[in-house]
Amino acid sequence: MDDYAKKARDLYNRRGSINSKTDDKGVTRVYDETTGLFGSYNRDGSSRTIFKPGKGKAYWDKQPGK
């Protein structure tokens, strides 16, 4: 597993202990305020993207889901 895939999987697996929300299409988004890392995942848990948004928490706050 490459580093990107490992980071994506690790972030997803921590979704119960960090900011997370799921939209009405089943897309789960997670945000770790400590590291600034944001991830988006399909319904099956596969990663769509992970990155550190420039606006951090403000970016997270605009994401859909609950």
Foldseek 3Di string as FASTA:
>chain_A
DDPQQVVLLVQLVCCVPFDWWAAPQQKIWTADQVVQKIWIAHNVRHTPDIDRDPVRPVVVVPDDGD
